[in-house]
Amino acid sequence: MGRKPSGRPTSFDIAYEAGVSQPTVSRALRGDPSVSEKTRERIREIARELNYTVDKNASSLRSQRSNTIALLFFEDETADESGINPFFLAMLGSITRACADRGLDLLISFQRMEDDWHTQYQDSHRADGLILLGYGDFSLYSKRLDQLVAQGTHFARWGSVRSDTTGGTIGSDNLGAGRLVAQHLLARGRRKIAFLGHADSHYPEFAHRYRGLCEGLEEAGIGAAQVPQFDAITTEAAGRDAARALISSGQEFDAIFAASDLIAIGAMQALADAGRKVPGDVAVVGFDDIPSASLTVPPLTTVSQDIRGAGKRLLETLLAKIEGETLPDARLPTQLVVRGTSPAEGDD
């Protein structure tokens, strides 16, 4: 269709080889969902075979877009100098890959509450839209999200789908994950399960993990009042402090579900200091499956989130918004990764 291939490959050459129109090729290379995935992949394959590259300057002039996405990390407390939660560092790879697949550039920076993100990126035409990772206290952060919506800023974010009404949110099924942990620990013979992590509207993802745990335990006749809960943000120090408070409270417990791996790792340190053996005395389950989770002694049982799917869906959601379309919010499935901190009975 169109013309035979010329010396220097163009989108018309790809259209000829693929048997489609040139506009279809352009949409496919942008990752437009109006073109089927099968056709998009065939067009990408032909483009690779022809060594075709997009002229981004010409494309930007035609579309008045930068063909650039800004990825903004919320600055967290960390043990190192990165200031980035290791779970979000792991997600960086999937977002970078998703952008590369669509021929987009990626800017990376921090999001700070005192900054005007839309002015620095979208309004200055440095980026066509924002992907936001992390948020701290959601009761404060949600006001900024409402502001971005009112200003017409294109953004997609990773967070709690159930607590966010701004749209463009991708997150994990935290309720389902909490139930999964409850079922796992009950099957291991543990019935006195404590939760470490905030469980209120300030940290909705943690709250949903706690609620899922309680719902799973209630099915076994264990009420929420029987589940000790101690606040902790996502740091090892907070996990140590929360576990020490749990131990000092005198409440009996034979398992801990931590709202994040960093909290779990800190809790394990506190348990060791108190002479409590893991998993013999206390089984421990974390959340996120960060790289260090498999390096603890014993290795940490944890809930793994769909990092690759998250990066792809975040970008798809953002691009849809840029095109004036709307994709529904999505809760992605989780998976329990069983390791040495919660082995089957008899394997301690």
Protein backbone atom coordinates (compact mmCIF):
# COMPACT_ATOMS: atom_id res chain seq x y z
CA MET A 1 0.00 0.00 0.00
CA GLY A 2 1.45 3.44 -0.88
CA ARG A 3 4.89 3.07 -2.47
CA LYS A 4 7.79 0.67 -2.72
CA PRO A 5 10.62 1.02 -0.18
CA SER A 6 13.09 3.83 -0.91
CA GLY A 7 16.78 4.16 0.00
CA ARG A 8 16.21 5.79 3.41
CA PRO A 9 13.40 4.11 5.35
CA THR A 10 10.32 6.21 6.06
CA SER A 11 6.94 5.58 7.63
CA PHE A 12 5.58 5.15 4.08
CA ASP A 13 8.04 2.27 3.53
CA ILE A 14 6.79 0.59 6.70
CA ALA A 15 3.21 1.10 5.54
CA TYR A 16 4.06 -0.56 2.21
CA GLU A 17 5.64 -3.59 3.90
CA ALA A 18 2.86 -3.92 6.47
CA GLY A 19 0.02 -3.39 4.01
CA VAL A 20 -1.51 -0.56 6.03
CA SER A 21 -1.86 3.22 5.66
CA GLN A 22 0.85 5.65 6.71
CA PRO A 23 -1.38 7.21 9.42
CA THR A 24 -1.84 3.71 10.86
CA VAL A 25 1.95 3.36 11.04
CA SER A 26 2.22 6.70 12.85
CA ARG A 27 -0.45 5.73 15.36
CA ALA A 28 1.12 2.30 15.91
CA LEU A 29 4.58 3.72 16.58
CA ARG A 30 3.02 6.13 19.11
CA GLY A 31 1.44 3.14 20.84
CA ASP A 32 -2.09 4.31 20.05
CA PRO A 33 -4.52 1.68 21.41
CA SER A 34 -6.83 2.26 18.43
CA VAL A 35 -4.37 0.06 16.50
CA SER A 36 -4.52 -3.59 17.56
CA GLU A 37 -1.59 -4.97 19.54
CA LYS A 38 -0.91 -7.53 16.81
CA THR A 39 -0.67 -4.81 14.14
CA ARG A 40 1.43 -2.58 16.39
CA GLU A 41 3.92 -5.37 17.00
CA ARG A 42 4.13 -6.19 13.28
CA ILE A 43 4.78 -2.54 12.45
CA ARG A 44 7.43 -2.27 15.17
CA GLU A 45 9.10 -5.42 13.85
CA ILE A 46 9.21 -4.02 10.31
CA ALA A 47 10.55 -0.73 11.64
CA ARG A 48 13.37 -2.60 13.38
CA GLU A 49 14.16 -4.61 10.24
CA LEU A 50 14.36 -1.39 8.18
CA ASN A 51 16.39 0.39 10.89
CA TYR A 52 13.72 3.07 10.93
CA THR A 53 13.95 5.81 13.57
CA VAL A 54 11.38 8.48 14.32
CA ASP A 55 12.36 12.07 13.51
CA LYS A 56 11.35 13.44 16.90
CA ASN A 57 11.90 17.08 15.95
CA ALA A 58 9.59 16.86 12.95
CA SER A 59 7.04 14.88 14.94
CA SER A 60 7.09 17.43 17.75
CA LEU A 61 6.58 20.34 15.36
CA ARG A 62 3.54 18.63 13.82
CA SER A 63 1.94 17.63 17.11
CA GLN A 64 3.12 20.54 19.31
CA ARG A 65 4.38 17.94 21.77
CA SER A 66 7.74 17.28 23.32
CA ASN A 67 7.48 13.47 23.04
CA THR A 68 8.84 13.48 26.59
CA ILE A 69 7.32 12.17 29.83
CA ALA A 70 8.36 13.42 33.27
CA LEU A 71 8.70 10.79 36.01
CA LEU A 72 8.58 12.42 39.43
CA PHE A 73 9.56 10.56 42.59
CA PHE A 74 8.32 11.62 46.01
CA GLU A 75 11.35 12.19 48.22
CA ASP A 76 11.34 9.55 50.98
CA GLU A 77 13.40 8.96 54.08
CA THR A 78 16.01 6.35 53.13
CA ALA A 79 19.07 4.79 54.75
CA ASP A 80 21.20 5.88 51.79
CA GLU A 81 21.42 9.19 49.93
CA SER A 82 18.97 8.27 47.16
CA GLY A 83 15.83 9.59 48.84
CA ILE A 84 13.83 7.10 46.78
CA ASN A 85 11.90 4.10 48.10
CA PRO A 86 13.63 1.00 46.67
CA PHE A 87 10.28 -0.33 45.42
CA PHE A 88 9.93 2.73 43.17
CA LEU A 89 13.52 2.38 42.00
CA ALA A 90 12.56 -1.11 40.81
CA MET A 91 9.56 0.37 38.98
CA LEU A 92 11.83 2.84 37.19
CA GLY A 93 13.06 0.10 34.86
CA SER A 94 9.58 -0.88 33.71
CA ILE A 95 8.56 2.73 33.05
CA THR A 96 11.78 3.39 31.13
CA ARG A 97 11.20 0.27 29.02
CA ALA A 98 7.58 1.25 28.31
CA CYS A 99 8.67 4.72 27.17
CA ALA A 100 11.44 3.28 24.99
CA ASP A 101 8.96 0.92 23.32
CA ARG A 102 6.93 3.96 22.25
CA GLY A 103 9.86 6.14 21.22
CA LEU A 104 9.42 8.56 24.13
CA ASP A 105 12.08 10.29 26.20
CA LEU A 106 11.91 10.24 30.00
CA LEU A 107 12.80 13.06 32.41
CA ILE A 108 13.38 12.01 36.03
CA SER A 109 13.18 14.30 39.05
CA PHE A 110 11.70 14.69 42.54
CA GLN A 111 8.26 16.02 43.34
CA ARG A 112 8.33 18.40 46.28
CA MET A 113 5.24 19.83 47.91
CA GLU A 114 6.51 23.40 47.54
CA ASP A 115 7.10 23.07 43.79
CA ASP A 116 4.65 23.74 40.94
CA TRP A 117 5.14 20.56 38.90
CA HIS A 118 2.85 21.63 36.06
CA THR A 119 4.80 24.89 35.59
CA GLN A 120 8.15 23.10 35.50
CA TYR A 121 7.13 20.38 33.09
CA GLN A 122 3.86 20.39 31.16
CA ASP A 123 3.23 24.13 31.08
CA SER A 124 6.81 24.82 29.97
CA HIS A 125 6.50 22.14 27.26
CA ARG A 126 9.40 20.18 28.75
CA ALA A 127 7.06 17.18 29.06
CA ASP A 128 3.66 16.17 27.74
CA GLY A 129 2.56 14.71 31.06
CA LEU A 130 3.64 13.44 34.47
CA ILE A 131 3.96 10.04 36.12
CA LEU A 132 3.94 10.38 39.91
CA LEU A 133 5.42 7.75 42.25
CA GLY A 134 4.96 7.98 46.02
CA TYR A 135 3.09 10.56 48.05
CA GLY A 136 3.86 10.53 51.80
CA ASP A 137 0.83 11.61 53.85
CA PHE A 138 -2.10 11.23 51.41
CA SER A 139 -4.33 13.64 53.33
CA LEU A 140 -1.88 16.41 52.37
CA TYR A 141 -0.95 15.07 48.95
CA SER A 142 -4.54 14.70 47.73
CA LYS A 143 -4.92 18.49 47.79
CA ARG A 144 -2.08 18.78 45.28
CA LEU A 145 -3.72 16.15 43.05
CA ASP A 146 -6.97 18.12 43.07
CA GLN A 147 -4.96 21.20 42.10
CA LEU A 148 -3.34 19.39 39.18
CA VAL A 149 -6.75 18.24 37.95
CA ALA A 150 -8.15 21.77 38.17
CA GLN A 151 -5.20 23.08 36.16
CA GLY A 152 -5.68 20.48 33.45
CA THR A 153 -2.31 18.80 34.01
CA HIS A 154 -2.01 15.38 32.40
CA PHE A 155 -0.80 12.88 34.97
CA ALA A 156 -0.99 9.25 36.05
CA ARG A 157 0.07 8.02 39.46
CA TRP A 158 0.82 4.88 41.42
CA GLY A 159 -1.22 4.66 44.61
CA SER A 160 -4.44 3.63 46.27
CA VAL A 161 -7.17 3.24 43.68
CA ARG A 162 -9.91 2.97 46.29
CA SER A 163 -9.01 6.26 48.00
CA ASP A 164 -8.35 8.40 44.93
CA THR A 165 -11.12 10.12 42.97
CA THR A 166 -8.89 12.15 40.65
CA GLY A 167 -8.60 9.40 38.02
CA GLY A 168 -5.48 8.13 36.35
CA THR A 169 -4.45 5.96 39.30
CA ILE A 170 -2.87 2.54 39.02
CA GLY A 171 -2.23 0.41 42.10
CA SER A 172 -2.19 -3.07 43.56
CA ASP A 173 -5.08 -5.05 44.99
CA ASN A 174 -4.02 -4.28 48.55
CA LEU A 175 -7.19 -5.66 50.13
CA GLY A 176 -6.79 -8.95 48.32
CA ALA A 177 -3.11 -9.08 49.27
CA GLY A 178 -3.98 -8.64 52.95
CA ARG A 179 -6.43 -11.53 52.77
CA LEU A 180 -3.79 -13.63 51.03
CA VAL A 181 -1.33 -13.00 53.87
CA ALA A 182 -3.97 -13.90 56.46
CA GLN A 183 -4.71 -17.19 54.74
CA HIS A 184 -1.00 -17.95 54.43
CA LEU A 185 -0.22 -17.32 58.09
CA LEU A 186 -3.30 -19.21 59.30
CA ALA A 187 -2.22 -22.19 57.18
CA ARG A 188 1.14 -21.98 58.97
CA GLY A 189 -0.63 -22.34 62.32
CA ARG A 190 -0.21 -18.68 63.30
CA ARG A 191 -3.27 -17.07 64.87
CA LYS A 192 -1.88 -14.15 66.89
CA ILE A 193 -0.92 -11.85 64.04
CA ALA A 194 0.22 -8.24 64.48
CA PHE A 195 0.29 -5.54 61.78
CA LEU A 196 3.07 -2.94 61.56
CA GLY A 197 2.25 0.13 59.48
CA HIS A 198 -0.20 3.02 59.50
CA ALA A 199 -3.81 1.94 59.07
CA ASP A 200 -5.70 5.17 58.43
CA SER A 201 -6.55 7.60 55.63
CA HIS A 202 -3.10 9.19 55.79
CA TYR A 203 -1.58 6.02 54.28
CA PRO A 204 -4.46 4.36 52.39
CA GLU A 205 -2.42 1.56 50.77
CA PHE A 206 -1.22 0.43 54.20
CA ALA A 207 -4.75 0.79 55.57
CA HIS A 208 -6.15 -1.50 52.86
CA ARG A 209 -3.45 -4.12 53.55
CA TYR A 210 -4.42 -4.03 57.24
CA ARG A 211 -8.12 -4.21 56.42
CA GLY A 212 -7.56 -7.16 54.08
CA LEU A 213 -5.62 -8.94 56.83
CA CYS A 214 -8.46 -8.37 59.30
CA GLU A 215 -11.07 -9.57 56.82
CA GLY A 216 -9.09 -12.74 56.20
CA LEU A 217 -8.72 -13.38 59.92
CA GLU A 218 -12.39 -12.67 60.62
CA GLU A 219 -13.27 -15.57 58.33
CA ALA A 220 -11.34 -17.74 60.80
CA GLY A 221 -13.16 -16.25 63.79
CA ILE A 222 -10.42 -13.79 64.78
CA GLY A 223 -11.79 -10.28 65.21
CA ALA A 224 -9.99 -7.09 64.24
CA ALA A 225 -9.73 -6.15 67.92
CA GLN A 226 -7.42 -9.13 68.34
CA VAL A 227 -4.96 -7.77 65.74
CA PRO A 228 -2.37 -5.47 67.35
CA GLN A 229 -1.50 -2.56 65.05
CA PHE A 230 1.44 -0.19 65.44
CA ASP A 231 2.13 2.79 63.17
CA ALA A 232 5.19 2.80 60.94
CA ILE A 233 6.27 4.61 57.78
CA THR A 234 8.35 2.82 55.14
CA THR A 235 11.78 2.79 56.79
CA GLU A 236 13.78 0.17 58.68
CA ALA A 237 14.04 2.52 61.66
CA ALA A 238 10.25 2.84 61.82
CA GLY A 239 9.93 -0.95 61.60
CA ARG A 240 12.34 -1.42 64.51
CA ASP A 241 10.48 1.13 66.62
CA ALA A 242 7.08 -0.39 65.85
CA ALA A 243 8.28 -3.92 66.68
CA ARG A 244 9.85 -2.72 69.92
CA ALA A 245 6.55 -1.04 70.85
CA LEU A 246 4.72 -4.29 70.06
CA ILE A 247 7.09 -6.30 72.24
CA SER A 248 6.89 -3.76 75.08
CA SER A 249 3.09 -3.79 74.95
CA GLY A 250 3.03 -7.30 76.37
CA GLN A 251 0.54 -8.49 73.75
CA GLU A 252 1.07 -12.04 72.57
CA PHE A 253 1.92 -12.54 68.90
CA ASP A 254 3.34 -15.34 66.79
CA ALA A 255 3.40 -13.53 63.43
CA ILE A 256 3.91 -10.05 61.99
CA PHE A 257 2.54 -8.70 58.73
CA ALA A 258 4.53 -5.58 57.88
CA ALA A 259 3.09 -3.02 55.45
CA SER A 260 6.40 -2.93 53.56
CA ASP A 261 9.62 -4.92 53.31
CA LEU A 262 11.64 -2.13 54.92
CA ILE A 263 9.31 -2.19 57.93
CA ALA A 264 9.62 -5.99 58.05
CA ILE A 265 13.43 -5.88 57.91
CA GLY A 266 13.52 -3.37 60.77
CA ALA A 267 11.09 -5.54 62.76
CA MET A 268 13.32 -8.58 62.30
CA GLN A 269 16.22 -6.62 63.77
CA ALA A 270 14.13 -5.71 66.82
CA LEU A 271 12.97 -9.32 67.23
CA ALA A 272 16.58 -10.52 67.15
CA ASP A 273 17.57 -7.93 69.76
CA ALA A 274 14.73 -9.21 71.97
CA GLY A 275 15.78 -12.86 71.56
CA ARG A 276 12.71 -13.76 69.48
CA LYS A 277 13.57 -16.27 66.76
CA VAL A 278 12.26 -15.92 63.20
CA PRO A 279 10.37 -17.98 62.15
CA GLY A 280 10.38 -20.25 65.21
CA ASP A 281 8.84 -17.74 67.62
CA VAL A 282 7.51 -15.21 65.12
CA ALA A 283 6.73 -15.59 61.42
CA VAL A 284 7.23 -12.40 59.37
CA VAL A 285 5.70 -11.31 56.06
CA GLY A 286 6.59 -8.09 54.24
CA PHE A 287 5.26 -6.30 51.16
CA ASP A 288 6.94 -5.15 47.89
CA ASP A 289 9.61 -7.84 47.28
CA ILE A 290 12.44 -5.32 47.05
CA PRO A 291 15.87 -6.81 46.19
CA SER A 292 17.05 -6.93 49.81
CA ALA A 293 14.03 -9.06 50.83
CA SER A 294 15.75 -12.20 49.53
CA LEU A 295 18.99 -11.31 51.32
CA THR A 296 17.76 -11.21 54.92
CA VAL A 297 18.49 -14.10 57.29
CA PRO A 298 16.24 -15.98 56.93
CA PRO A 299 15.00 -14.68 53.55
CA LEU A 300 11.81 -12.64 53.86
CA THR A 301 8.42 -13.91 52.78
CA THR A 302 6.72 -11.00 51.02
CA VAL A 303 3.99 -9.86 48.65
CA SER A 304 5.23 -9.13 45.13
CA GLN A 305 3.57 -6.41 43.05
CA ASP A 306 3.31 -6.42 39.26
CA ILE A 307 6.11 -3.95 38.54
CA ARG A 308 6.32 -4.60 34.79
CA GLY A 309 2.56 -4.35 34.35
CA ALA A 310 2.53 -1.20 36.48
CA GLY A 311 4.99 0.67 34.26
CA LYS A 312 3.13 -0.26 31.10
CA ARG A 313 -0.30 0.63 32.51
CA LEU A 314 0.88 3.94 33.98
CA LEU A 315 2.20 5.05 30.60
CA GLU A 316 -0.89 3.83 28.73
CA THR A 317 -3.11 5.75 31.15
CA LEU A 318 -1.07 8.93 30.79
CA LEU A 319 -0.96 8.76 26.98
CA ALA A 320 -4.71 8.25 26.88
CA LYS A 321 -5.17 11.41 28.96
CA ILE A 322 -2.88 13.34 26.63
CA GLU A 323 -5.05 12.18 23.71
CA GLY A 324 -8.17 13.38 25.51
CA GLU A 325 -9.32 9.86 26.37
CA THR A 326 -9.82 8.11 29.69
CA LEU A 327 -8.77 4.64 30.74
CA PRO A 328 -10.33 3.23 33.90
CA ASP A 329 -8.24 3.06 37.07
CA ALA A 330 -6.70 -0.36 37.54
CA ARG A 331 -5.89 -2.58 40.51
CA LEU A 332 -3.17 -5.04 39.55
CA PRO A 333 -2.91 -8.52 41.09
CA THR A 334 -0.28 -9.43 43.67
CA GLN A 335 1.58 -12.66 44.40
CA LEU A 336 2.86 -14.13 47.65
CA VAL A 337 6.54 -15.06 47.55
CA VAL A 338 7.11 -17.62 50.32
CA ARG A 339 10.60 -17.72 51.83
CA GLY A 340 12.22 -18.62 55.12
CA THR A 341 10.45 -16.24 57.49
CA SER A 342 7.15 -18.14 57.21
CA PRO A 343 7.88 -21.75 56.25
CA ALA A 344 5.37 -24.57 56.40
CA GLU A 345 4.90 -26.20 59.80
CA GLY A 346 7.74 -28.59 60.52
CA ASP A 347 10.18 -26.68 58.29
CA ASP A 348 11.26 -24.16 60.94
